[in-house]
Amino acid sequence: MQTTIARLTTLLLALTASATARADNPKPIDGSKKLLTLAVIGDTPYGAAEVADFPQFVAAINADPDVQRVVHVGDIKNGSTRCDTSYYAQIADDFAQFRTSLVYTPGDNEWTDCHRSNNGKYDPLERLQVLREIFFADPSFTLGGSAEPLFTQVDAGIPENTAWAAERVVFATLHVVGSSNGLAPWFGDDTTDTLVDDPARRIAEVQARTAADVAWLDRAFDLAKSNTQGVVLFMQADTWPGSTTDGFAPILQHLAELALAFGKPVLVVQGDSHRFKVDQPLANGDAIHGITTPVPNLTRLVVEGETTSEWLKLSIDPRSEPLFSWQRIAR
């Protein structure tokens, strides 16, 4: 355990130095105070019926004139379907149909779980590389129909970690996934597999990505130090209640520290568990993850998943209280 912690500390120190994005701020934080509306989706499309319906789902979100950006919080397929490159390309084509900009953070179903027999027995790290080639070929800009500039952690090898500022709020994506943040063993569900787990590669990836996520949290809250009213973080994994071995502790501990020091509203938006939920998971600390000090200014929101019948309309209004509000939109 001590060796693992030491490795993670070394990686964190190295990545903190490289966490800064491009020197030019994609969108400077200014004094503007206007209503900002995002459409947030996740864990979709799931299965053949939803894949077929996904273009109509995109069209339904496009029909709302309020939406200024779409965010997908990961899992672009279910956990029992193939992780083929052709499928990723199909979803990328669907993403391109959004009339506005789109930001996407990967989920576990599209890479960490691809070792499963019914997923194609892929090497998860090879699938992660393919995801990056398809969805993050130019990570300094959003996907969708409107290419908007982003901060990105590409210099640390995590191009999917992005950030931007709008209406006195800082937004950031963090590549944090289910399956114990990628720690779950590979090829563990089929004893007939000739492929075997590769703990050294698997754990090294988790440690590097975790260190990068911690550094990216620093970047987001550094951006928020001046002239801002809140921070919004997007990730795939439902990190609560979790377990002592789920791989989330370093990220959540640092998030708690930064959010408490920030003192203003922090919203964490997640997917993974598929059922809509709003709570304050750090209101009394989080003993499981080693957080002893309450963080009352952090709210967590889980979007409804496994559906193309609902999306979340997230509003940010710096002119009013509360800063964040949301509405579940059915189609």
C-alpha atoms as a PDB file:
ATOM      1  CA  MET A   1       0.000   0.000   0.000  1.00  0.00           C
ATOM      2  CA  GLN A   2       2.808   2.413   0.886  1.00  0.00           C
ATOM      3  CA  THR A   3       4.430   1.789  -2.500  1.00  0.00           C
ATOM      4  CA  THR A   4       1.157   2.536  -4.277  1.00  0.00           C
ATOM      5  CA  ILE A   5       0.686   5.777  -2.335  1.00  0.00           C
ATOM      6  CA  ALA A   6       4.257   6.810  -3.062  1.00  0.00           C
ATOM      7  CA  ARG A   7       3.778   6.185  -6.779  1.00  0.00           C
ATOM      8  CA  LEU A   8       0.552   8.184  -6.780  1.00  0.00           C
ATOM      9  CA  THR A   9       2.242  11.067  -4.953  1.00  0.00           C
ATOM     10  CA  THR A  10       5.068  11.118  -7.501  1.00  0.00           C
ATOM     11  CA  LEU A  11       2.615  11.124 -10.376  1.00  0.00           C
ATOM     12  CA  LEU A  12       0.571  13.896  -8.769  1.00  0.00           C
ATOM     13  CA  LEU A  13       3.588  16.153  -8.342  1.00  0.00           C
ATOM     14  CA  ALA A  14       4.586  15.619 -11.950  1.00  0.00           C
ATOM     15  CA  LEU A  15       1.116  16.136 -13.353  1.00  0.00           C
ATOM     16  CA  THR A  16       0.356  19.208 -11.285  1.00  0.00           C
ATOM     17  CA  ALA A  17       3.130  20.936 -13.185  1.00  0.00           C
ATOM     18  CA  SER A  18       1.670  19.870 -16.533  1.00  0.00           C
ATOM     19  CA  ALA A  19      -1.998  20.436 -15.696  1.00  0.00           C
ATOM     20  CA  THR A  20      -2.078  23.929 -17.117  1.00  0.00           C
ATOM     21  CA  ALA A  21      -3.824  24.210 -20.430  1.00  0.00           C
ATOM     22  CA  ARG A  22      -3.077  26.427 -23.377  1.00  0.00           C
ATOM     23  CA  ALA A  23      -1.731  29.814 -22.349  1.00  0.00           C
ATOM     24  CA  ASP A  24      -4.591  31.622 -24.086  1.00  0.00           C
ATOM     25  CA  ASN A  25      -7.780  31.468 -22.042  1.00  0.00           C
ATOM     26  CA  PRO A  26     -10.486  30.026 -24.323  1.00  0.00           C
ATOM     27  CA  LYS A  27     -13.107  32.267 -22.748  1.00  0.00           C
ATOM     28  CA  PRO A  28     -11.964  34.818 -20.185  1.00  0.00           C
ATOM     29  CA  ILE A  29     -13.979  35.062 -16.992  1.00  0.00           C
ATOM     30  CA  ASP A  30     -15.708  38.419 -17.091  1.00  0.00           C
ATOM     31  CA  GLY A  31     -18.473  40.187 -15.232  1.00  0.00           C
ATOM     32  CA  SER A  32     -21.341  39.026 -17.427  1.00  0.00           C
ATOM     33  CA  LYS A  33     -24.419  37.738 -15.660  1.00  0.00           C
ATOM     34  CA  LYS A  34     -26.792  35.959 -18.004  1.00  0.00           C
ATOM     35  CA  LEU A  35     -28.815  32.789 -17.769  1.00  0.00           C
ATOM     36  CA  LEU A  36     -26.913  29.774 -19.086  1.00  0.00           C
ATOM     37  CA  THR A  37     -28.682  26.526 -19.974  1.00  0.00           C
ATOM     38  CA  LEU A  38     -27.078  23.126 -20.506  1.00  0.00           C
ATOM     39  CA  ALA A  39     -28.601  19.817 -21.547  1.00  0.00           C
ATOM     40  CA  VAL A  40     -27.022  16.982 -19.578  1.00  0.00           C
ATOM     41  CA  ILE A  41     -27.357  13.326 -20.599  1.00  0.00           C
ATOM     42  CA  GLY A  42     -25.597  10.116 -19.660  1.00  0.00           C
ATOM     43  CA  ASP A  43     -25.741   6.335 -19.854  1.00  0.00           C
ATOM     44  CA  THR A  44     -27.296   6.575 -23.289  1.00  0.00           C
ATOM     45  CA  PRO A  45     -27.852   5.113 -25.819  1.00  0.00           C
ATOM     46  CA  TYR A  46     -28.300   1.720 -24.129  1.00  0.00           C
ATOM     47  CA  GLY A  47     -29.132  -1.221 -26.377  1.00  0.00           C
ATOM     48  CA  ALA A  48     -30.454  -1.512 -29.904  1.00  0.00           C
ATOM     49  CA  ALA A  49     -33.736   0.338 -29.351  1.00  0.00           C
ATOM     50  CA  GLU A  50     -32.057   3.369 -27.825  1.00  0.00           C
ATOM     51  CA  VAL A  51     -29.307   3.354 -30.450  1.00  0.00           C
ATOM     52  CA  ALA A  52     -31.985   3.513 -33.139  1.00  0.00           C
ATOM     53  CA  ASP A  53     -33.814   6.277 -31.271  1.00  0.00           C
ATOM     54  CA  PHE A  54     -30.751   8.328 -30.404  1.00  0.00           C
ATOM     55  CA  PRO A  55     -30.945  10.620 -33.477  1.00  0.00           C
ATOM     56  CA  GLN A  56     -34.490  11.519 -32.461  1.00  0.00           C
ATOM     57  CA  PHE A  57     -33.267  12.150 -28.915  1.00  0.00           C
ATOM     58  CA  VAL A  58     -30.662  14.531 -30.319  1.00  0.00           C
ATOM     59  CA  ALA A  59     -33.349  16.253 -32.376  1.00  0.00           C
ATOM     60  CA  ALA A  60     -35.544  16.695 -29.291  1.00  0.00           C
ATOM     61  CA  ILE A  61     -32.730  18.457 -27.433  1.00  0.00           C
ATOM     62  CA  ASN A  62     -31.953  20.529 -30.520  1.00  0.00           C
ATOM     63  CA  ALA A  63     -35.572  21.696 -30.543  1.00  0.00           C
ATOM     64  CA  ASP A  64     -35.152  23.500 -27.223  1.00  0.00           C
ATOM     65  CA  PRO A  65     -33.880  26.995 -28.061  1.00  0.00           C
ATOM     66  CA  ASP A  66     -32.638  27.545 -24.512  1.00  0.00           C
ATOM     67  CA  VAL A  67     -29.898  24.923 -24.710  1.00  0.00           C
ATOM     68  CA  GLN A  68     -26.471  26.483 -25.211  1.00  0.00           C
ATOM     69  CA  ARG A  69     -24.322  23.385 -24.668  1.00  0.00           C
ATOM     70  CA  VAL A  70     -24.809  19.637 -24.243  1.00  0.00           C
ATOM     71  CA  VAL A  71     -22.764  17.542 -21.800  1.00  0.00           C
ATOM     72  CA  HIS A  72     -22.674  13.730 -21.962  1.00  0.00           C
ATOM     73  CA  VAL A  73     -21.409  12.238 -18.686  1.00  0.00           C
ATOM     74  CA  GLY A  74     -20.324   8.920 -20.126  1.00  0.00           C
ATOM     75  CA  ASP A  75     -21.463   5.408 -21.049  1.00  0.00           C
ATOM     76  CA  ILE A  76     -22.356   5.678 -24.720  1.00  0.00           C
ATOM     77  CA  LYS A  77     -23.313   1.969 -24.707  1.00  0.00           C
ATOM     78  CA  ASN A  78     -24.523  -0.572 -22.217  1.00  0.00           C
ATOM     79  CA  GLY A  79     -22.249  -3.056 -20.493  1.00  0.00           C
ATOM     80  CA  SER A  80     -23.295  -6.073 -22.548  1.00  0.00           C
ATOM     81  CA  THR A  81     -22.689  -4.904 -26.107  1.00  0.00           C
ATOM     82  CA  ARG A  82     -19.601  -4.847 -28.275  1.00  0.00           C
ATOM     83  CA  CYS A  83     -16.971  -2.126 -28.063  1.00  0.00           C
ATOM     84  CA  ASP A  84     -16.370  -2.000 -31.813  1.00  0.00           C
ATOM     85  CA  THR A  85     -14.719   0.986 -33.451  1.00  0.00           C
ATOM     86  CA  SER A  86     -17.566   1.187 -35.945  1.00  0.00           C
ATOM     87  CA  TYR A  87     -19.993   1.729 -33.067  1.00  0.00           C
ATOM     88  CA  TYR A  88     -17.907   4.549 -31.630  1.00  0.00           C
ATOM     89  CA  ALA A  89     -17.824   6.160 -35.058  1.00  0.00           C
ATOM     90  CA  GLN A  90     -21.614   5.899 -35.269  1.00  0.00           C
ATOM     91  CA  ILE A  91     -22.041   7.673 -31.931  1.00  0.00           C
ATOM     92  CA  ALA A  92     -19.529  10.323 -32.985  1.00  0.00           C
ATOM     93  CA  ASP A  93     -21.668  10.944 -36.064  1.00  0.00           C
ATOM     94  CA  ASP A  94     -24.732  11.266 -33.827  1.00  0.00           C
ATOM     95  CA  PHE A  95     -22.903  13.711 -31.570  1.00  0.00           C
ATOM     96  CA  ALA A  96     -22.104  15.837 -34.605  1.00  0.00           C
ATOM     97  CA  GLN A  97     -25.837  16.348 -35.146  1.00  0.00           C
ATOM     98  CA  PHE A  98     -26.252  18.470 -32.024  1.00  0.00           C
ATOM     99  CA  ARG A  99     -26.820  22.016 -33.197  1.00  0.00           C
ATOM    100  CA  THR A 100     -24.803  23.432 -30.337  1.00  0.00           C
ATOM    101  CA  SER A 101     -21.487  22.449 -28.777  1.00  0.00           C
ATOM    102  CA  LEU A 102     -21.095  19.152 -26.924  1.00  0.00           C
ATOM    103  CA  VAL A 103     -18.664  18.053 -24.219  1.00  0.00           C
ATOM    104  CA  TYR A 104     -18.228  14.344 -23.497  1.00  0.00           C
ATOM    105  CA  THR A 105     -16.417  12.531 -20.697  1.00  0.00           C
ATOM    106  CA  PRO A 106     -15.932   8.752 -21.110  1.00  0.00           C
ATOM    107  CA  GLY A 107     -17.631   6.070 -19.039  1.00  0.00           C
ATOM    108  CA  ASP A 108     -16.498   2.603 -18.035  1.00  0.00           C
ATOM    109  CA  ASN A 109     -18.747   0.789 -20.513  1.00  0.00           C
ATOM    110  CA  GLU A 110     -16.818   2.113 -23.497  1.00  0.00           C
ATOM    111  CA  TRP A 111     -13.367   1.049 -22.376  1.00  0.00           C
ATOM    112  CA  THR A 112     -12.699  -0.419 -18.904  1.00  0.00           C
ATOM    113  CA  ASP A 113     -15.382  -3.092 -19.330  1.00  0.00           C
ATOM    114  CA  CYS A 114     -14.569  -3.979 -22.925  1.00  0.00           C
ATOM    115  CA  HIS A 115     -12.605  -7.035 -21.766  1.00  0.00           C
ATOM    116  CA  ARG A 116     -15.907  -8.889 -21.317  1.00  0.00           C
ATOM    117  CA  SER A 117     -16.708 -11.672 -23.765  1.00  0.00           C
ATOM    118  CA  ASN A 118     -19.948 -10.042 -24.889  1.00  0.00           C
ATOM    119  CA  ASN A 119     -18.064  -6.774 -25.410  1.00  0.00           C
ATOM    120  CA  GLY A 120     -15.596  -8.362 -27.813  1.00  0.00           C
ATOM    121  CA  LYS A 121     -12.746  -9.357 -25.454  1.00  0.00           C
ATOM    122  CA  TYR A 122     -10.889  -6.151 -26.174  1.00  0.00           C
ATOM    123  CA  ASP A 123      -7.849  -4.855 -24.353  1.00  0.00           C
ATOM    124  CA  PRO A 124      -9.343  -1.933 -22.348  1.00  0.00           C
ATOM    125  CA  LEU A 125      -6.339   0.339 -22.811  1.00  0.00           C
ATOM    126  CA  GLU A 126      -6.419  -0.194 -26.556  1.00  0.00           C
ATOM    127  CA  ARG A 127     -10.108   0.801 -26.535  1.00  0.00           C
ATOM    128  CA  LEU A 128      -9.299   3.906 -24.498  1.00  0.00           C
ATOM    129  CA  GLN A 129      -6.789   4.938 -27.141  1.00  0.00           C
ATOM    130  CA  VAL A 130      -9.389   4.458 -29.867  1.00  0.00           C
ATOM    131  CA  LEU A 131     -11.892   6.560 -27.916  1.00  0.00           C
ATOM    132  CA  ARG A 132      -9.335   9.327 -27.682  1.00  0.00           C
ATOM    133  CA  GLU A 133      -8.608   9.152 -31.401  1.00  0.00           C
ATOM    134  CA  ILE A 134     -12.294   9.367 -32.337  1.00  0.00           C
ATOM    135  CA  PHE A 135     -13.743  11.763 -29.772  1.00  0.00           C
ATOM    136  CA  PHE A 136     -10.718  13.804 -28.722  1.00  0.00           C
ATOM    137  CA  ALA A 137      -8.719  14.178 -31.924  1.00  0.00           C
ATOM    138  CA  ASP A 138      -8.742  17.937 -31.334  1.00  0.00           C
ATOM    139  CA  PRO A 139      -9.463  18.227 -27.606  1.00  0.00           C
ATOM    140  CA  SER A 140      -9.040  22.002 -27.552  1.00  0.00           C
ATOM    141  CA  PHE A 141     -12.501  22.290 -29.083  1.00  0.00           C
ATOM    142  CA  THR A 142     -15.919  20.912 -28.257  1.00  0.00           C
ATOM    143  CA  LEU A 143     -17.767  18.318 -30.283  1.00  0.00           C
ATOM    144  CA  GLY A 144     -21.223  18.915 -31.738  1.00  0.00           C
ATOM    145  CA  GLY A 145     -22.341  21.426 -34.299  1.00  0.00           C
ATOM    146  CA  SER A 146     -20.462  24.370 -32.834  1.00  0.00           C
ATOM    147  CA  ALA A 147     -16.740  24.064 -32.140  1.00  0.00           C
ATOM    148  CA  GLU A 148     -16.004  26.105 -29.030  1.00  0.00           C
ATOM    149  CA  PRO A 149     -12.556  26.372 -27.409  1.00  0.00           C
ATOM    150  CA  LEU A 150     -11.715  24.490 -24.217  1.00  0.00           C
ATOM    151  CA  PHE A 151      -8.930  24.172 -21.740  1.00  0.00           C
ATOM    152  CA  THR A 152      -7.587  20.639 -21.967  1.00  0.00           C
ATOM    153  CA  GLN A 153      -5.188  18.388 -20.072  1.00  0.00           C
ATOM    154  CA  VAL A 154      -3.709  17.023 -23.272  1.00  0.00           C
ATOM    155  CA  ASP A 155      -0.167  17.793 -22.110  1.00  0.00           C
ATOM    156  CA  ALA A 156      -0.646  15.268 -19.296  1.00  0.00           C
ATOM    157  CA  GLY A 157      -1.969  12.653 -21.717  1.00  0.00           C
ATOM    158  CA  ILE A 158      -5.599  13.061 -20.602  1.00  0.00           C
ATOM    159  CA  PRO A 159      -7.177  15.059 -23.457  1.00  0.00           C
ATOM    160  CA  GLU A 160     -10.678  14.193 -22.264  1.00  0.00           C
ATOM    161  CA  ASN A 161     -10.227  16.329 -19.130  1.00  0.00           C
ATOM    162  CA  THR A 162     -11.494  19.736 -20.187  1.00  0.00           C
ATOM    163  CA  ALA A 163     -12.597  23.012 -18.642  1.00  0.00           C
ATOM    164  CA  TRP A 164     -14.292  26.218 -19.656  1.00  0.00           C
ATOM    165  CA  ALA A 165     -15.812  29.321 -18.085  1.00  0.00           C
ATOM    166  CA  ALA A 166     -19.161  30.948 -18.760  1.00  0.00           C
ATOM    167  CA  GLU A 167     -21.333  33.432 -16.899  1.00  0.00           C
ATOM    168  CA  ARG A 168     -19.004  33.595 -13.894  1.00  0.00           C
ATOM    169  CA  VAL A 169     -18.987  29.815 -13.412  1.00  0.00           C
ATOM    170  CA  VAL A 170     -16.143  27.382 -14.112  1.00  0.00           C
ATOM    171  CA  PHE A 171     -17.024  23.999 -15.633  1.00  0.00           C
ATOM    172  CA  ALA A 172     -14.744  20.975 -15.861  1.00  0.00           C
ATOM    173  CA  THR A 173     -14.887  17.320 -16.858  1.00  0.00           C
ATOM    174  CA  LEU A 174     -12.958  14.675 -14.947  1.00  0.00           C
ATOM    175  CA  HIS A 175     -12.275  11.201 -16.312  1.00  0.00           C
ATOM    176  CA  VAL A 176     -13.533   9.227 -13.314  1.00  0.00           C
ATOM    177  CA  VAL A 177     -15.311   5.984 -14.166  1.00  0.00           C
ATOM    178  CA  GLY A 178     -17.226   3.146 -12.573  1.00  0.00           C
ATOM    179  CA  SER A 179     -15.789  -0.361 -12.211  1.00  0.00           C
ATOM    180  CA  SER A 180     -13.864   0.970  -9.206  1.00  0.00           C
ATOM    181  CA  ASN A 181     -12.412   3.767 -11.318  1.00  0.00           C
ATOM    182  CA  GLY A 182     -10.895   1.131 -13.611  1.00  0.00           C
ATOM    183  CA  LEU A 183      -9.404  -1.029 -10.856  1.00  0.00           C
ATOM    184  CA  ALA A 184     -11.762  -3.947 -11.557  1.00  0.00           C
ATOM    185  CA  PRO A 185      -9.771  -6.902 -12.988  1.00  0.00           C
ATOM    186  CA  TRP A 186      -9.950  -7.628 -16.684  1.00  0.00           C
ATOM    187  CA  PHE A 187     -11.190 -10.866 -18.233  1.00  0.00           C
ATOM    188  CA  GLY A 188     -12.647 -11.952 -14.924  1.00  0.00           C
ATOM    189  CA  ASP A 189     -16.087 -13.048 -16.117  1.00  0.00           C
ATOM    190  CA  ASP A 190     -15.216 -15.931 -18.425  1.00  0.00           C
ATOM    191  CA  THR A 191     -12.925 -18.764 -17.292  1.00  0.00           C
ATOM    192  CA  THR A 192     -12.566 -19.953 -20.871  1.00  0.00           C
ATOM    193  CA  ASP A 193     -10.800 -16.766 -21.937  1.00  0.00           C
ATOM    194  CA  THR A 194      -7.268 -17.221 -23.139  1.00  0.00           C
ATOM    195  CA  LEU A 195      -6.663 -13.576 -22.291  1.00  0.00           C
ATOM    196  CA  VAL A 196      -5.589 -12.824 -18.736  1.00  0.00           C
ATOM    197  CA  ASP A 197      -5.607  -9.775 -16.546  1.00  0.00           C
ATOM    198  CA  ASP A 198      -2.615  -7.458 -16.686  1.00  0.00           C
ATOM    199  CA  PRO A 199      -2.509  -5.867 -13.219  1.00  0.00           C
ATOM    200  CA  ALA A 200       0.649  -3.842 -13.829  1.00  0.00           C
ATOM    201  CA  ARG A 201      -0.770  -2.015 -16.865  1.00  0.00           C
ATOM    202  CA  ARG A 202      -4.246  -1.728 -15.383  1.00  0.00           C
ATOM    203  CA  ILE A 203      -3.107  -0.251 -12.061  1.00  0.00           C
ATOM    204  CA  ALA A 204      -0.533   2.037 -13.685  1.00  0.00           C
ATOM    205  CA  GLU A 205      -3.278   3.569 -15.853  1.00  0.00           C
ATOM    206  CA  VAL A 206      -5.536   4.137 -12.842  1.00  0.00           C
ATOM    207  CA  GLN A 207      -2.748   5.750 -10.856  1.00  0.00           C
ATOM    208  CA  ALA A 208      -1.753   8.052 -13.716  1.00  0.00           C
ATOM    209  CA  ARG A 209      -5.330   9.083 -14.463  1.00  0.00           C
ATOM    210  CA  THR A 210      -6.132   9.618 -10.780  1.00  0.00           C
ATOM    211  CA  ALA A 211      -3.117  11.859 -10.361  1.00  0.00           C
ATOM    212  CA  ALA A 212      -4.150  13.762 -13.469  1.00  0.00           C
ATOM    213  CA  ASP A 213      -7.702  14.169 -12.145  1.00  0.00           C
ATOM    214  CA  VAL A 214      -6.397  15.558  -8.855  1.00  0.00           C
ATOM    215  CA  ALA A 215      -4.219  18.014 -10.759  1.00  0.00           C
ATOM    216  CA  TRP A 216      -7.156  18.961 -12.983  1.00  0.00           C
ATOM    217  CA  LEU A 217      -9.249  19.749  -9.921  1.00  0.00           C
ATOM    218  CA  ASP A 218      -6.526  22.195  -8.954  1.00  0.00           C
ATOM    219  CA  ARG A 219      -6.744  23.732 -12.412  1.00  0.00           C
ATOM    220  CA  ALA A 220     -10.523  24.145 -12.227  1.00  0.00           C
ATOM    221  CA  PHE A 221     -10.492  25.761  -8.799  1.00  0.00           C
ATOM    222  CA  ASP A 222      -7.535  27.955  -9.761  1.00  0.00           C
ATOM    223  CA  LEU A 223      -9.644  29.267 -12.630  1.00  0.00           C
ATOM    224  CA  ALA A 224     -12.470  29.899 -10.182  1.00  0.00           C
ATOM    225  CA  LYS A 225     -10.437  32.024  -7.770  1.00  0.00           C
ATOM    226  CA  SER A 226     -11.268  35.292  -9.492  1.00  0.00           C
ATOM    227  CA  ASN A 227     -14.641  36.776 -10.399  1.00  0.00           C
ATOM    228  CA  THR A 228     -16.644  33.548 -10.193  1.00  0.00           C
ATOM    229  CA  GLN A 229     -19.733  32.424  -8.330  1.00  0.00           C
ATOM    230  CA  GLY A 230     -19.555  28.638  -8.659  1.00  0.00           C
ATOM    231  CA  VAL A 231     -17.956  25.480 -10.023  1.00  0.00           C
ATOM    232  CA  VAL A 232     -19.593  22.595 -11.894  1.00  0.00           C
ATOM    233  CA  LEU A 233     -17.787  19.255 -12.293  1.00  0.00           C
ATOM    234  CA  PHE A 234     -18.889  16.449 -14.619  1.00  0.00           C
ATOM    235  CA  MET A 235     -17.792  12.811 -14.286  1.00  0.00           C
ATOM    236  CA  GLN A 236     -19.238   9.391 -15.131  1.00  0.00           C
ATOM    237  CA  ALA A 237     -18.794   7.469 -11.888  1.00  0.00           C
ATOM    238  CA  ASP A 238     -21.341   7.554  -9.105  1.00  0.00           C
ATOM    239  CA  THR A 239     -18.725   7.942  -6.378  1.00  0.00           C
ATOM    240  CA  TRP A 240     -21.090   7.685  -3.392  1.00  0.00           C
ATOM    241  CA  PRO A 241     -21.584   5.745  -1.204  1.00  0.00           C
ATOM    242  CA  GLY A 242     -18.723   3.693  -2.657  1.00  0.00           C
ATOM    243  CA  SER A 243     -16.283   1.560  -0.696  1.00  0.00           C
ATOM    244  CA  THR A 244     -12.835   1.856   0.840  1.00  0.00           C
ATOM    245  CA  THR A 245     -11.317   0.144  -2.205  1.00  0.00           C
ATOM    246  CA  ASP A 246     -13.222   1.845  -5.024  1.00  0.00           C
ATOM    247  CA  GLY A 247     -10.318   3.981  -6.236  1.00  0.00           C
ATOM    248  CA  PHE A 248     -12.104   7.307  -5.665  1.00  0.00           C
ATOM    249  CA  ALA A 249     -10.590   8.397  -2.328  1.00  0.00           C
ATOM    250  CA  PRO A 250      -7.693  10.586  -3.615  1.00  0.00           C
ATOM    251  CA  ILE A 251     -10.040  12.464  -5.958  1.00  0.00           C
ATOM    252  CA  LEU A 252     -12.829  12.949  -3.421  1.00  0.00           C
ATOM    253  CA  GLN A 253     -10.463  13.986  -0.637  1.00  0.00           C
ATOM    254  CA  HIS A 254      -8.923  16.674  -2.824  1.00  0.00           C
ATOM    255  CA  LEU A 255     -12.330  17.774  -4.091  1.00  0.00           C
ATOM    256  CA  ALA A 256     -13.560  18.158  -0.507  1.00  0.00           C
ATOM    257  CA  GLU A 257     -10.530  20.251   0.420  1.00  0.00           C
ATOM    258  CA  LEU A 258     -10.843  22.543  -2.603  1.00  0.00           C
ATOM    259  CA  ALA A 259     -14.628  22.936  -2.379  1.00  0.00           C
ATOM    260  CA  LEU A 260     -14.476  23.811   1.304  1.00  0.00           C
ATOM    261  CA  ALA A 261     -11.784  26.428   0.702  1.00  0.00           C
ATOM    262  CA  PHE A 262     -13.742  27.823  -2.276  1.00  0.00           C
ATOM    263  CA  GLY A 263     -16.772  28.389  -0.064  1.00  0.00           C
ATOM    264  CA  LYS A 264     -19.187  29.023  -2.939  1.00  0.00           C
ATOM    265  CA  PRO A 265     -21.615  26.581  -4.606  1.00  0.00           C
ATOM    266  CA  VAL A 266     -20.031  23.484  -6.127  1.00  0.00           C
ATOM    267  CA  LEU A 267     -22.146  21.111  -8.206  1.00  0.00           C
ATOM    268  CA  VAL A 268     -20.937  17.610  -9.098  1.00  0.00           C
ATOM    269  CA  VAL A 269     -22.893  15.976 -11.939  1.00  0.00           C
ATOM    270  CA  GLN A 270     -22.590  12.216 -12.377  1.00  0.00           C
ATOM    271  CA  GLY A 271     -24.132   9.268 -14.209  1.00  0.00           C
ATOM    272  CA  ASP A 272     -23.392   5.567 -13.765  1.00  0.00           C
ATOM    273  CA  SER A 273     -26.210   4.494 -11.415  1.00  0.00           C
ATOM    274  CA  HIS A 274     -28.944   5.498 -13.907  1.00  0.00           C
ATOM    275  CA  ARG A 275     -31.476   6.926 -11.454  1.00  0.00           C
ATOM    276  CA  PHE A 276     -32.015  10.630 -10.888  1.00  0.00           C
ATOM    277  CA  LYS A 277     -30.759  11.777  -7.508  1.00  0.00           C
ATOM    278  CA  VAL A 278     -29.882  15.019  -5.758  1.00  0.00           C
ATOM    279  CA  ASP A 279     -28.015  15.010  -2.443  1.00  0.00           C
ATOM    280  CA  GLN A 280     -25.184  16.554  -0.439  1.00  0.00           C
ATOM    281  CA  PRO A 281     -22.865  13.584   0.056  1.00  0.00           C
ATOM    282  CA  LEU A 282     -20.231  15.537   1.988  1.00  0.00           C
ATOM    283  CA  ALA A 283     -22.600  17.442   4.269  1.00  0.00           C
ATOM    284  CA  ASN A 284     -21.430  15.283   7.169  1.00  0.00           C
ATOM    285  CA  GLY A 285     -18.077  14.306   5.720  1.00  0.00           C
ATOM    286  CA  ASP A 286     -17.423  10.912   4.138  1.00  0.00           C
ATOM    287  CA  ALA A 287     -15.797   8.402   6.470  1.00  0.00           C
ATOM    288  CA  ILE A 288     -15.574   5.767   3.730  1.00  0.00           C
ATOM    289  CA  HIS A 289     -13.259   7.987   1.706  1.00  0.00           C
ATOM    290  CA  GLY A 290     -11.418   9.511   4.657  1.00  0.00           C
ATOM    291  CA  ILE A 291     -13.158  12.910   4.653  1.00  0.00           C
ATOM    292  CA  THR A 292     -13.800  14.075   8.207  1.00  0.00           C
ATOM    293  CA  THR A 293     -14.753  17.738   7.661  1.00  0.00           C
ATOM    294  CA  PRO A 294     -18.259  18.540   6.378  1.00  0.00           C
ATOM    295  CA  VAL A 295     -18.492  20.299   3.013  1.00  0.00           C
ATOM    296  CA  PRO A 296     -21.959  21.876   3.020  1.00  0.00           C
ATOM    297  CA  ASN A 297     -21.532  23.867  -0.200  1.00  0.00           C
ATOM    298  CA  LEU A 298     -21.200  20.765  -2.429  1.00  0.00           C
ATOM    299  CA  THR A 299     -24.264  19.281  -4.123  1.00  0.00           C
ATOM    300  CA  ARG A 300     -24.273  16.098  -6.184  1.00  0.00           C
ATOM    301  CA  LEU A 301     -26.712  15.415  -9.009  1.00  0.00           C
ATOM    302  CA  VAL A 302     -27.082  12.047 -10.807  1.00  0.00           C
ATOM    303  CA  VAL A 303     -28.790  12.190 -14.195  1.00  0.00           C
ATOM    304  CA  GLU A 304     -31.411   9.651 -15.197  1.00  0.00           C
ATOM    305  CA  GLY A 305     -29.807   7.119 -17.528  1.00  0.00           C
ATOM    306  CA  GLU A 306     -30.583   4.105 -19.653  1.00  0.00           C
ATOM    307  CA  THR A 307     -33.159   6.147 -21.526  1.00  0.00           C
ATOM    308  CA  THR A 308     -33.738   8.350 -24.562  1.00  0.00           C
ATOM    309  CA  SER A 309     -36.986   9.582 -23.043  1.00  0.00           C
ATOM    310  CA  GLU A 310     -35.534  12.108 -20.617  1.00  0.00           C
ATOM    311  CA  TRP A 311     -32.782  14.676 -20.380  1.00  0.00           C
ATOM    312  CA  LEU A 312     -31.751  17.149 -17.705  1.00  0.00           C
ATOM    313  CA  LYS A 313     -32.043  20.873 -18.241  1.00  0.00           C
ATOM    314  CA  LEU A 314     -29.407  22.493 -16.045  1.00  0.00           C
ATOM    315  CA  SER A 315     -29.672  26.249 -15.561  1.00  0.00           C
ATOM    316  CA  ILE A 316     -27.029  28.558 -14.159  1.00  0.00           C
ATOM    317  CA  ASP A 317     -28.245  32.032 -13.266  1.00  0.00           C
ATOM    318  CA  PRO A 318     -25.621  34.277 -11.644  1.00  0.00           C
ATOM    319  CA  ARG A 319     -28.299  36.916 -11.063  1.00  0.00           C
ATOM    320  CA  SER A 320     -30.316  34.881  -8.585  1.00  0.00           C
ATOM    321  CA  GLU A 321     -30.341  32.391  -5.739  1.00  0.00           C
ATOM    322  CA  PRO A 322     -29.847  29.508  -6.000  1.00  0.00           C
ATOM    323  CA  LEU A 323     -27.124  29.687  -8.607  1.00  0.00           C
ATOM    324  CA  PHE A 324     -27.957  26.231  -9.983  1.00  0.00           C
ATOM    325  CA  SER A 325     -31.368  24.814 -10.823  1.00  0.00           C
ATOM    326  CA  TRP A 326     -32.523  21.888 -12.937  1.00  0.00           C
ATOM    327  CA  GLN A 327     -35.534  20.360 -14.600  1.00  0.00           C
ATOM    328  CA  ARG A 328     -36.138  16.846 -15.870  1.00  0.00           C
ATOM    329  CA  ILE A 329     -37.395  17.094 -19.438  1.00  0.00           C
ATOM    330  CA  ALA A 330     -39.456  14.222 -20.873  1.00  0.00           C
ATOM    331  CA  ARG A 331     -39.990  13.640 -24.566  1.00  0.00           C
END
